[in-house]
Amino acid sequence: MLAVPLSAIGYALLTRERGPAWSGSAALLLSVLVIGQPEAVFSTTHGSLKGWPIVLLALAALTLGSGLVAARRT
């Protein structure tokens, strides 16, 4: 869960781009918040968190993809 945000930040360091660093940092912060206190971030009335890993994976893929697209435009 932490590999994709950290790799986006590493990619930003290599290419000297700000976009992937910002999106990687936001994804890293969200990941740490969810890992630390999932009930505070995803409070449900049903008491189930079955879909949250898929949501995090999709957000991480979108974050990395946006960083790669931004790098190709420059």
PDB file of N, CA and C in Angstrom:
ATOM      1  N   MET A   1       0.817  -1.193   0.000  1.00  0.00           N
ATOM      2  CA  MET A   1       0.000   0.000   0.000  1.00  0.00           C
ATOM      3  C   MET A   1       0.862   1.259   0.000  1.00  0.00           C
ATOM      4  N   LEU A   2       2.035   1.153   0.496  1.00  0.00           N
ATOM      5  CA  LEU A   2       2.905   2.318   0.530  1.00  0.00           C
ATOM      6  C   LEU A   2       3.873   2.366  -0.641  1.00  0.00           C
ATOM      7  N   ALA A   3       3.946   1.297  -1.412  1.00  0.00           N
ATOM      8  CA  ALA A   3       4.931   1.224  -2.496  1.00  0.00           C
ATOM      9  C   ALA A   3       4.621   2.214  -3.621  1.00  0.00           C
ATOM     10  N   VAL A   4       3.373   2.344  -4.005  1.00  0.00           N
ATOM     11  CA  VAL A   4       3.033   3.219  -5.128  1.00  0.00           C
ATOM     12  C   VAL A   4       3.221   4.697  -4.775  1.00  0.00           C
ATOM     13  N   PRO A   5       2.741   5.188  -3.612  1.00  0.00           N
ATOM     14  CA  PRO A   5       3.033   6.587  -3.299  1.00  0.00           C
ATOM     15  C   PRO A   5       4.531   6.871  -3.158  1.00  0.00           C
ATOM     16  N   LEU A   6       5.252   5.940  -2.567  1.00  0.00           N
ATOM     17  CA  LEU A   6       6.688   6.154  -2.435  1.00  0.00           C
ATOM     18  C   LEU A   6       7.391   6.110  -3.784  1.00  0.00           C
ATOM     19  N   SER A   7       6.928   5.258  -4.685  1.00  0.00           N
ATOM     20  CA  SER A   7       7.537   5.220  -6.011  1.00  0.00           C
ATOM     21  C   SER A   7       7.190   6.477  -6.807  1.00  0.00           C
ATOM     22  N   ALA A   8       6.014   7.045  -6.597  1.00  0.00           N
ATOM     23  CA  ALA A   8       5.671   8.302  -7.258  1.00  0.00           C
ATOM     24  C   ALA A   8       6.561   9.437  -6.755  1.00  0.00           C
ATOM     25  N   ILE A   9       6.845   9.455  -5.474  1.00  0.00           N
ATOM     26  CA  ILE A   9       7.742  10.468  -4.925  1.00  0.00           C
ATOM     27  C   ILE A   9       9.157  10.253  -5.449  1.00  0.00           C
ATOM     28  N   GLY A  10       9.593   9.004  -5.525  1.00  0.00           N
ATOM     29  CA  GLY A  10      10.907   8.704  -6.087  1.00  0.00           C
ATOM     30  C   GLY A  10      11.000   9.097  -7.552  1.00  0.00           C
ATOM     31  N   TYR A  11       9.935   8.853  -8.307  1.00  0.00           N
ATOM     32  CA  TYR A  11       9.900   9.255  -9.711  1.00  0.00           C
ATOM     33  C   TYR A  11      10.008  10.774  -9.834  1.00  0.00           C
ATOM     34  N   ALA A  12       9.312  11.481  -8.940  1.00  0.00           N
ATOM     35  CA  ALA A  12       9.377  12.947  -8.963  1.00  0.00           C
ATOM     36  C   ALA A  12      10.785  13.445  -8.652  1.00  0.00           C
ATOM     37  N   LEU A  13      11.468  12.756  -7.767  1.00  0.00           N
ATOM     38  CA  LEU A  13      12.844  13.148  -7.459  1.00  0.00           C
ATOM     39  C   LEU A  13      13.763  12.938  -8.653  1.00  0.00           C
ATOM     40  N   LEU A  14      13.567  11.853  -9.384  1.00  0.00           N
ATOM     41  CA  LEU A  14      14.423  11.568 -10.537  1.00  0.00           C
ATOM     42  C   LEU A  14      14.172  12.519 -11.702  1.00  0.00           C
ATOM     43  N   THR A  15      12.917  12.858 -11.915  1.00  0.00           N
ATOM     44  CA  THR A  15      12.575  13.710 -13.056  1.00  0.00           C
ATOM     45  C   THR A  15      12.494  15.191 -12.700  1.00  0.00           C
ATOM     46  N   ARG A  16      12.619  15.508 -11.433  1.00  0.00           N
ATOM     47  CA  ARG A  16      12.544  16.885 -10.936  1.00  0.00           C
ATOM     48  C   ARG A  16      11.224  17.555 -11.309  1.00  0.00           C
ATOM     49  N   GLU A  17      10.139  16.808 -11.122  1.00  0.00           N
ATOM     50  CA  GLU A  17       8.786  17.299 -11.390  1.00  0.00           C
ATOM     51  C   GLU A  17       8.052  17.468 -10.069  1.00  0.00           C
ATOM     52  N   ARG A  18       7.219  18.493  -9.986  1.00  0.00           N
ATOM     53  CA  ARG A  18       6.470  18.734  -8.749  1.00  0.00           C
ATOM     54  C   ARG A  18       5.162  17.948  -8.680  1.00  0.00           C
ATOM     55  N   GLY A  19       4.525  17.717  -9.815  1.00  0.00           N
ATOM     56  CA  GLY A  19       3.212  17.065  -9.836  1.00  0.00           C
ATOM     57  C   GLY A  19       3.195  15.691  -9.194  1.00  0.00           C
ATOM     58  N   PRO A  20       4.081  14.792  -9.620  1.00  0.00           N
ATOM     59  CA  PRO A  20       4.080  13.469  -8.991  1.00  0.00           C
ATOM     60  C   PRO A  20       4.443  13.520  -7.511  1.00  0.00           C
ATOM     61  N   ALA A  21       5.252  14.494  -7.125  1.00  0.00           N
ATOM     62  CA  ALA A  21       5.612  14.611  -5.707  1.00  0.00           C
ATOM     63  C   ALA A  21       4.406  15.013  -4.873  1.00  0.00           C
ATOM     64  N   TRP A  22       3.605  15.960  -5.375  1.00  0.00           N
ATOM     65  CA  TRP A  22       2.421  16.380  -4.641  1.00  0.00           C
ATOM     66  C   TRP A  22       1.391  15.264  -4.576  1.00  0.00           C
ATOM     67  N   SER A  23       1.133  14.618  -5.698  1.00  0.00           N
ATOM     68  CA  SER A  23       0.129  13.556  -5.692  1.00  0.00           C
ATOM     69  C   SER A  23       0.620  12.336  -4.901  1.00  0.00           C
ATOM     70  N   GLY A  24       1.917  12.036  -4.981  1.00  0.00           N
ATOM     71  CA  GLY A  24       2.463  10.941  -4.185  1.00  0.00           C
ATOM     72  C   GLY A  24       2.402  11.231  -2.697  1.00  0.00           C
ATOM     73  N   SER A  25       2.660  12.476  -2.333  1.00  0.00           N
ATOM     74  CA  SER A  25       2.574  12.857  -0.916  1.00  0.00           C
ATOM     75  C   SER A  25       1.147  12.768  -0.406  1.00  0.00           C
ATOM     76  N   ALA A  26       0.192  13.217  -1.220  1.00  0.00           N
ATOM     77  CA  ALA A  26      -1.216  13.125  -0.814  1.00  0.00           C
ATOM     78  C   ALA A  26      -1.647  11.666  -0.679  1.00  0.00           C
ATOM     79  N   ALA A  27      -1.228  10.828  -1.621  1.00  0.00           N
ATOM     80  CA  ALA A  27      -1.572   9.406  -1.545  1.00  0.00           C
ATOM     81  C   ALA A  27      -0.908   8.745  -0.347  1.00  0.00           C
ATOM     82  N   LEU A  28       0.322   9.146  -0.050  1.00  0.00           N
ATOM     83  CA  LEU A  28       1.019   8.593   1.112  1.00  0.00           C
ATOM     84  C   LEU A  28       0.322   8.993   2.405  1.00  0.00           C
ATOM     85  N   LEU A  29      -0.100  10.241   2.496  1.00  0.00           N
ATOM     86  CA  LEU A  29      -0.814  10.696   3.684  1.00  0.00           C
ATOM     87  C   LEU A  29      -2.133   9.949   3.846  1.00  0.00           C
ATOM     88  N   LEU A  30      -2.858   9.787   2.757  1.00  0.00           N
ATOM     89  CA  LEU A  30      -4.123   9.054   2.827  1.00  0.00           C
ATOM     90  C   LEU A  30      -3.894   7.601   3.229  1.00  0.00           C
ATOM     91  N   SER A  31      -2.868   6.990   2.684  1.00  0.00           N
ATOM     92  CA  SER A  31      -2.566   5.599   3.035  1.00  0.00           C
ATOM     93  C   SER A  31      -2.231   5.453   4.512  1.00  0.00           C
ATOM     94  N   VAL A  32      -1.422   6.361   5.023  1.00  0.00           N
ATOM     95  CA  VAL A  32      -1.053   6.298   6.440  1.00  0.00           C
ATOM     96  C   VAL A  32      -2.275   6.513   7.327  1.00  0.00           C
ATOM     97  N   LEU A  33      -3.157   7.426   6.950  1.00  0.00           N
ATOM     98  CA  LEU A  33      -4.362   7.647   7.738  1.00  0.00           C
ATOM     99  C   LEU A  33      -5.267   6.422   7.734  1.00  0.00           C
ATOM    100  N   VAL A  34      -5.407   5.787   6.591  1.00  0.00           N
ATOM    101  CA  VAL A  34      -6.277   4.616   6.507  1.00  0.00           C
ATOM    102  C   VAL A  34      -5.678   3.437   7.249  1.00  0.00           C
ATOM    103  N   ILE A  35      -4.366   3.254   7.128  1.00  0.00           N
ATOM    104  CA  ILE A  35      -3.721   2.152   7.831  1.00  0.00           C
ATOM    105  C   ILE A  35      -3.785   2.371   9.337  1.00  0.00           C
ATOM    106  N   GLY A  36      -3.587   3.615   9.764  1.00  0.00           N
ATOM    107  CA  GLY A  36      -3.556   3.913  11.197  1.00  0.00           C
ATOM    108  C   GLY A  36      -4.911   3.833  11.856  1.00  0.00           C
ATOM    109  N   GLN A  37      -5.922   4.426  11.232  1.00  0.00           N
ATOM    110  CA  GLN A  37      -7.250   4.457  11.825  1.00  0.00           C
ATOM    111  C   GLN A  37      -8.309   4.293  10.744  1.00  0.00           C
ATOM    112  N   PRO A  38      -8.523   3.095  10.271  1.00  0.00           N
ATOM    113  CA  PRO A  38      -9.494   2.919   9.179  1.00  0.00           C
ATOM    114  C   PRO A  38     -10.918   3.249   9.591  1.00  0.00           C
ATOM    115  N   GLU A  39     -11.261   3.056  10.849  1.00  0.00           N
ATOM    116  CA  GLU A  39     -12.629   3.338  11.276  1.00  0.00           C
ATOM    117  C   GLU A  39     -12.921   4.831  11.312  1.00  0.00           C
ATOM    118  N   ALA A  40     -11.889   5.666  11.481  1.00  0.00           N
ATOM    119  CA  ALA A  40     -12.093   7.111  11.479  1.00  0.00           C
ATOM    120  C   ALA A  40     -12.227   7.651  10.061  1.00  0.00           C
ATOM    121  N   VAL A  41     -11.558   7.027   9.117  1.00  0.00           N
ATOM    122  CA  VAL A  41     -11.595   7.506   7.738  1.00  0.00           C
ATOM    123  C   VAL A  41     -12.812   6.973   7.002  1.00  0.00           C
ATOM    124  N   PHE A  42     -13.080   5.694   7.162  1.00  0.00           N
ATOM    125  CA  PHE A  42     -14.204   5.049   6.481  1.00  0.00           C
ATOM    126  C   PHE A  42     -15.228   4.595   7.505  1.00  0.00           C
ATOM    127  N   SER A  43     -15.952   5.517   8.083  1.00  0.00           N
ATOM    128  CA  SER A  43     -16.964   5.122   9.059  1.00  0.00           C
ATOM    129  C   SER A  43     -18.233   4.721   8.311  1.00  0.00           C
ATOM    130  N   THR A  44     -18.673   3.521   8.548  1.00  0.00           N
ATOM    131  CA  THR A  44     -19.881   3.008   7.913  1.00  0.00           C
ATOM    132  C   THR A  44     -20.869   2.583   8.981  1.00  0.00           C
ATOM    133  N   THR A  45     -22.111   2.569   8.607  1.00  0.00           N
ATOM    134  CA  THR A  45     -23.137   2.118   9.556  1.00  0.00           C
ATOM    135  C   THR A  45     -23.222   0.606   9.594  1.00  0.00           C
ATOM    136  N   HIS A  46     -22.715  -0.053   8.556  1.00  0.00           N
ATOM    137  CA  HIS A  46     -22.779  -1.505   8.491  1.00  0.00           C
ATOM    138  C   HIS A  46     -21.592  -2.180   9.182  1.00  0.00           C
ATOM    139  N   GLY A  47     -20.535  -1.450   9.445  1.00  0.00           N
ATOM    140  CA  GLY A  47     -19.384  -2.020  10.115  1.00  0.00           C
ATOM    141  C   GLY A  47     -18.487  -2.849   9.220  1.00  0.00           C
ATOM    142  N   SER A  48     -18.544  -2.660   7.912  1.00  0.00           N
ATOM    143  CA  SER A  48     -17.749  -3.453   6.989  1.00  0.00           C
ATOM    144  C   SER A  48     -16.847  -2.542   6.164  1.00  0.00           C
ATOM    145  N   LEU A  49     -15.609  -2.965   5.983  1.00  0.00           N
ATOM    146  CA  LEU A  49     -14.647  -2.210   5.178  1.00  0.00           C
ATOM    147  C   LEU A  49     -14.130  -3.077   4.029  1.00  0.00           C
ATOM    148  N   LYS A  50     -14.983  -3.875   3.437  1.00  0.00           N
ATOM    149  CA  LYS A  50     -14.546  -4.851   2.445  1.00  0.00           C
ATOM    150  C   LYS A  50     -13.954  -4.220   1.193  1.00  0.00           C
ATOM    151  N   GLY A  51     -14.408  -3.072   0.764  1.00  0.00           N
ATOM    152  CA  GLY A  51     -13.961  -2.523  -0.503  1.00  0.00           C
ATOM    153  C   GLY A  51     -12.825  -1.530  -0.429  1.00  0.00           C
ATOM    154  N   TRP A  52     -12.352  -1.183   0.756  1.00  0.00           N
ATOM    155  CA  TRP A  52     -11.355  -0.112   0.842  1.00  0.00           C
ATOM    156  C   TRP A  52     -10.017  -0.446   0.221  1.00  0.00           C
ATOM    157  N   PRO A  53      -9.517  -1.691   0.219  1.00  0.00           N
ATOM    158  CA  PRO A  53      -8.252  -1.939  -0.479  1.00  0.00           C
ATOM    159  C   PRO A  53      -8.346  -1.704  -1.984  1.00  0.00           C
ATOM    160  N   ILE A  54      -9.477  -1.999  -2.570  1.00  0.00           N
ATOM    161  CA  ILE A  54      -9.655  -1.767  -4.004  1.00  0.00           C
ATOM    162  C   ILE A  54      -9.685  -0.275  -4.295  1.00  0.00           C
ATOM    163  N   VAL A  55     -10.335   0.487  -3.432  1.00  0.00           N
ATOM    164  CA  VAL A  55     -10.379   1.941  -3.604  1.00  0.00           C
ATOM    165  C   VAL A  55      -8.975   2.525  -3.498  1.00  0.00           C
ATOM    166  N   LEU A  56      -8.198   2.094  -2.532  1.00  0.00           N
ATOM    167  CA  LEU A  56      -6.832   2.596  -2.378  1.00  0.00           C
ATOM    168  C   LEU A  56      -5.951   2.202  -3.557  1.00  0.00           C
ATOM    169  N   LEU A  57      -6.119   0.996  -4.057  1.00  0.00           N
ATOM    170  CA  LEU A  57      -5.349   0.559  -5.215  1.00  0.00           C
ATOM    171  C   LEU A  57      -5.698   1.396  -6.446  1.00  0.00           C
ATOM    172  N   ALA A  58      -6.970   1.682  -6.643  1.00  0.00           N
ATOM    173  CA  ALA A  58      -7.388   2.504  -7.777  1.00  0.00           C
ATOM    174  C   ALA A  58      -6.848   3.926  -7.655  1.00  0.00           C
ATOM    175  N   LEU A  59      -6.904   4.500  -6.458  1.00  0.00           N
ATOM    176  CA  LEU A  59      -6.364   5.841  -6.252  1.00  0.00           C
ATOM    177  C   LEU A  59      -4.856   5.890  -6.458  1.00  0.00           C
ATOM    178  N   ALA A  60      -4.162   4.864  -6.008  1.00  0.00           N
ATOM    179  CA  ALA A  60      -2.711   4.825  -6.198  1.00  0.00           C
ATOM    180  C   ALA A  60      -2.360   4.689  -7.675  1.00  0.00           C
ATOM    181  N   ALA A  61      -3.121   3.880  -8.415  1.00  0.00           N
ATOM    182  CA  ALA A  61      -2.874   3.725  -9.852  1.00  0.00           C
ATOM    183  C   ALA A  61      -3.154   5.030 -10.595  1.00  0.00           C
ATOM    184  N   LEU A  62      -4.220   5.726 -10.224  1.00  0.00           N
ATOM    185  CA  LEU A  62      -4.518   7.015 -10.849  1.00  0.00           C
ATOM    186  C   LEU A  62      -3.442   8.047 -10.530  1.00  0.00           C
ATOM    187  N   THR A  63      -2.943   8.030  -9.312  1.00  0.00           N
ATOM    188  CA  THR A  63      -1.892   8.958  -8.924  1.00  0.00           C
ATOM    189  C   THR A  63      -0.620   8.711  -9.723  1.00  0.00           C
ATOM    190  N   LEU A  64      -0.215   7.467  -9.823  1.00  0.00           N
ATOM    191  CA  LEU A  64       0.981   7.141 -10.581  1.00  0.00           C
ATOM    192  C   LEU A  64       0.783   7.430 -12.065  1.00  0.00           C
ATOM    193  N   GLY A  65      -0.386   7.113 -12.571  1.00  0.00           N
ATOM    194  CA  GLY A  65      -0.679   7.397 -13.974  1.00  0.00           C
ATOM    195  C   GLY A  65      -0.656   8.877 -14.288  1.00  0.00           C
ATOM    196  N   SER A  66      -1.203   9.694 -13.396  1.00  0.00           N
ATOM    197  CA  SER A  66      -1.179  11.140 -13.632  1.00  0.00           C
ATOM    198  C   SER A  66       0.244  11.677 -13.597  1.00  0.00           C
ATOM    199  N   GLY A  67       1.077  11.098 -12.763  1.00  0.00           N
ATOM    200  CA  GLY A  67       2.478  11.512 -12.735  1.00  0.00           C
ATOM    201  C   GLY A  67       3.200  11.142 -14.014  1.00  0.00           C
ATOM    202  N   LEU A  68       2.901   9.977 -14.559  1.00  0.00           N
ATOM    203  CA  LEU A  68       3.541   9.557 -15.803  1.00  0.00           C
ATOM    204  C   LEU A  68       3.052  10.367 -16.989  1.00  0.00           C
ATOM    205  N   VAL A  69       1.760  10.709 -17.015  1.00  0.00           N
ATOM    206  CA  VAL A  69       1.216  11.524 -18.100  1.00  0.00           C
ATOM    207  C   VAL A  69       1.811  12.926 -18.055  1.00  0.00           C
ATOM    208  N   ALA A  70       1.942  13.478 -16.861  1.00  0.00           N
ATOM    209  CA  ALA A  70       2.513  14.817 -16.731  1.00  0.00           C
ATOM    210  C   ALA A  70       3.974  14.833 -17.177  1.00  0.00           C
ATOM    211  N   ALA A  71       4.683  13.755 -16.951  1.00  0.00           N
ATOM    212  CA  ALA A  71       6.095  13.688 -17.355  1.00  0.00           C
ATOM    213  C   ALA A  71       6.229  13.596 -18.869  1.00  0.00           C
ATOM    214  N   ARG A  72       5.278  12.950 -19.532  1.00  0.00           N
ATOM    215  CA  ARG A  72       5.346  12.837 -20.995  1.00  0.00           C
ATOM    216  C   ARG A  72       5.029  14.151 -21.664  1.00  0.00           C
ATOM    217  N   ARG A  73       4.234  15.006 -21.028  1.00  0.00           N
ATOM    218  CA  ARG A  73       3.840  16.285 -21.632  1.00  0.00           C
ATOM    219  C   ARG A  73       4.993  17.286 -21.639  1.00  0.00           C
ATOM    220  N   THR A  74       5.949  17.110 -20.758  1.00  0.00           N
ATOM    221  CA  THR A  74       7.028  18.085 -20.683  1.00  0.00           C
ATOM    222  C   THR A  74       8.194  17.703 -21.559  1.00  0.00           C
TER     223      THR A  74
END
